[in-house]
Amino acid sequence: NADQSTLQQILQQQQQQQQQQQQQQQQQQQQQQQQQHQQQEYHQQQQQQQQQ
């Protein structure tokens, strides 16, 4: 029983670490999307100025 409980604890810790890594990856993807969106807006502003 003691062996089983320690194994379960180790498995739970590993699962938690994996979840944290996934969350970090999602945050990085969101930041990249925001940067791309800002660049698009900046490009649109430049085009408008050139037309005027």
N, C-alpha and C. Protein backbone atom coordinates (compact mmCIF):
# COMPACT_ATOMS: atom_id res chain seq x y z
N ASN A 1 0.83 -1.21 0.00
CA ASN A 1 0.00 0.00 0.00
C ASN A 1 0.86 1.26 0.00
N ALA A 2 1.92 1.23 0.79
CA ALA A 2 2.80 2.41 0.86
C ALA A 2 3.40 2.70 -0.51
N ASP A 3 3.82 1.66 -1.20
CA ASP A 3 4.40 1.85 -2.53
C ASP A 3 3.37 2.45 -3.49
N GLN A 4 2.15 1.97 -3.42
CA GLN A 4 1.11 2.48 -4.32
C GLN A 4 0.85 3.96 -4.06
N SER A 5 0.79 4.35 -2.80
CA SER A 5 0.48 5.75 -2.50
C SER A 5 1.60 6.67 -2.97
N THR A 6 2.85 6.26 -2.82
CA THR A 6 3.95 7.11 -3.29
C THR A 6 3.93 7.20 -4.81
N LEU A 7 3.65 6.10 -5.48
CA LEU A 7 3.55 6.12 -6.94
C LEU A 7 2.44 7.06 -7.39
N GLN A 8 1.31 7.02 -6.73
CA GLN A 8 0.20 7.90 -7.08
C GLN A 8 0.60 9.36 -6.90
N GLN A 9 1.32 9.66 -5.82
CA GLN A 9 1.75 11.04 -5.59
C GLN A 9 2.67 11.51 -6.71
N ILE A 10 3.60 10.65 -7.09
CA ILE A 10 4.54 11.01 -8.17
C ILE A 10 3.77 11.24 -9.47
N LEU A 11 2.83 10.38 -9.78
CA LEU A 11 2.03 10.54 -11.00
C LEU A 11 1.26 11.85 -10.97
N GLN A 12 0.67 12.18 -9.84
CA GLN A 12 -0.08 13.42 -9.73
C GLN A 12 0.83 14.63 -9.96
N GLN A 13 2.03 14.59 -9.38
CA GLN A 13 2.96 15.70 -9.56
C GLN A 13 3.32 15.86 -11.04
N GLN A 14 3.59 14.75 -11.71
CA GLN A 14 3.94 14.82 -13.13
C GLN A 14 2.78 15.41 -13.94
N GLN A 15 1.57 15.00 -13.65
CA GLN A 15 0.41 15.52 -14.37
C GLN A 15 0.28 17.02 -14.15
N GLN A 16 0.49 17.48 -12.92
CA GLN A 16 0.39 18.91 -12.64
C GLN A 16 1.44 19.68 -13.42
N GLN A 17 2.66 19.18 -13.48
CA GLN A 17 3.72 19.85 -14.23
C GLN A 17 3.35 19.95 -15.70
N GLN A 18 2.81 18.89 -16.27
CA GLN A 18 2.40 18.91 -17.67
C GLN A 18 1.33 19.97 -17.91
N GLN A 19 0.36 20.07 -17.01
CA GLN A 19 -0.69 21.07 -17.16
C GLN A 19 -0.10 22.48 -17.13
N GLN A 20 0.85 22.73 -16.22
CA GLN A 20 1.47 24.04 -16.14
C GLN A 20 2.19 24.37 -17.44
N GLN A 21 2.91 23.42 -18.01
CA GLN A 21 3.61 23.65 -19.26
C GLN A 21 2.63 23.99 -20.38
N GLN A 22 1.52 23.30 -20.44
CA GLN A 22 0.52 23.58 -21.47
C GLN A 22 -0.03 24.99 -21.32
N GLN A 23 -0.28 25.41 -20.08
CA GLN A 23 -0.78 26.76 -19.86
C GLN A 23 0.23 27.79 -20.34
N GLN A 24 1.50 27.59 -20.06
CA GLN A 24 2.53 28.52 -20.49
C GLN A 24 2.56 28.60 -22.01
N GLN A 25 2.46 27.49 -22.69
CA GLN A 25 2.46 27.48 -24.14
C GLN A 25 1.27 28.26 -24.69
N GLN A 26 0.11 28.11 -24.09
CA GLN A 26 -1.07 28.85 -24.53
C GLN A 26 -0.86 30.35 -24.37
N GLN A 27 -0.26 30.77 -23.25
CA GLN A 27 -0.01 32.19 -23.03
C GLN A 27 0.93 32.72 -24.11
N GLN A 28 1.96 31.99 -24.45
CA GLN A 28 2.89 32.44 -25.48
C GLN A 28 2.18 32.59 -26.82
N GLN A 29 1.32 31.68 -27.16
CA GLN A 29 0.57 31.76 -28.42
C GLN A 29 -0.31 33.00 -28.43
N GLN A 30 -0.97 33.31 -27.32
CA GLN A 30 -1.82 34.49 -27.25
C GLN A 30 -0.99 35.75 -27.46
N GLN A 31 0.18 35.83 -26.85
CA GLN A 31 1.04 37.00 -27.01
C GLN A 31 1.43 37.17 -28.47
N GLN A 32 1.78 36.10 -29.15
CA GLN A 32 2.16 36.18 -30.56
C GLN A 32 1.00 36.69 -31.40
N GLN A 33 -0.20 36.24 -31.13
CA GLN A 33 -1.37 36.69 -31.88
C GLN A 33 -1.59 38.18 -31.68
N GLN A 34 -1.41 38.66 -30.45
CA GLN A 34 -1.59 40.07 -30.17
C GLN A 34 -0.57 40.90 -30.94
N GLN A 35 0.68 40.46 -30.98
CA GLN A 35 1.72 41.18 -31.69
C GLN A 35 1.38 41.26 -33.18
N GLN A 36 0.94 40.17 -33.76
CA GLN A 36 0.58 40.16 -35.18
C GLN A 36 -0.55 41.16 -35.44
N HIS A 37 -1.52 41.22 -34.55
CA HIS A 37 -2.65 42.12 -34.71
C HIS A 37 -2.17 43.57 -34.67
N GLN A 38 -1.28 43.91 -33.76
CA GLN A 38 -0.75 45.26 -33.66
C GLN A 38 -0.02 45.64 -34.95
N GLN A 39 0.76 44.73 -35.49
CA GLN A 39 1.50 45.00 -36.72
C GLN A 39 0.53 45.28 -37.87
N GLN A 40 -0.54 44.54 -37.94
CA GLN A 40 -1.53 44.76 -39.01
C GLN A 40 -2.14 46.16 -38.88
N GLU A 41 -2.48 46.57 -37.67
CA GLU A 41 -3.07 47.90 -37.47
C GLU A 41 -2.08 48.97 -37.90
N TYR A 42 -0.83 48.82 -37.54
CA TYR A 42 0.22 49.79 -37.87
C TYR A 42 0.36 49.89 -39.38
N HIS A 43 0.32 48.77 -40.06
CA HIS A 43 0.46 48.74 -41.50
C HIS A 43 -0.73 49.46 -42.16
N GLN A 44 -1.92 49.25 -41.64
CA GLN A 44 -3.11 49.91 -42.18
C GLN A 44 -2.99 51.42 -42.02
N GLN A 45 -2.48 51.88 -40.89
CA GLN A 45 -2.32 53.31 -40.66
C GLN A 45 -1.36 53.90 -41.68
N GLN A 46 -0.28 53.21 -41.97
CA GLN A 46 0.70 53.70 -42.94
C GLN A 46 0.04 53.83 -44.32
N GLN A 47 -0.74 52.87 -44.70
CA GLN A 47 -1.40 52.91 -46.01
C GLN A 47 -2.34 54.11 -46.09
N GLN A 48 -3.07 54.38 -45.04
CA GLN A 48 -4.00 55.51 -45.04
C GLN A 48 -3.24 56.82 -45.20
N GLN A 49 -2.12 56.96 -44.52
CA GLN A 49 -1.34 58.19 -44.60
C GLN A 49 -0.81 58.39 -46.02
N GLN A 50 -0.37 57.33 -46.66
CA GLN A 50 0.16 57.43 -48.01
C GLN A 50 -0.94 57.88 -48.98
N GLN A 51 -2.13 57.39 -48.80
CA GLN A 51 -3.23 57.75 -49.69
C GLN A 51 -3.55 59.24 -49.57
N GLN A 52 -3.50 59.77 -48.38
CA GLN A 52 -3.80 61.18 -48.20
C GLN A 52 -2.71 62.02 -48.85
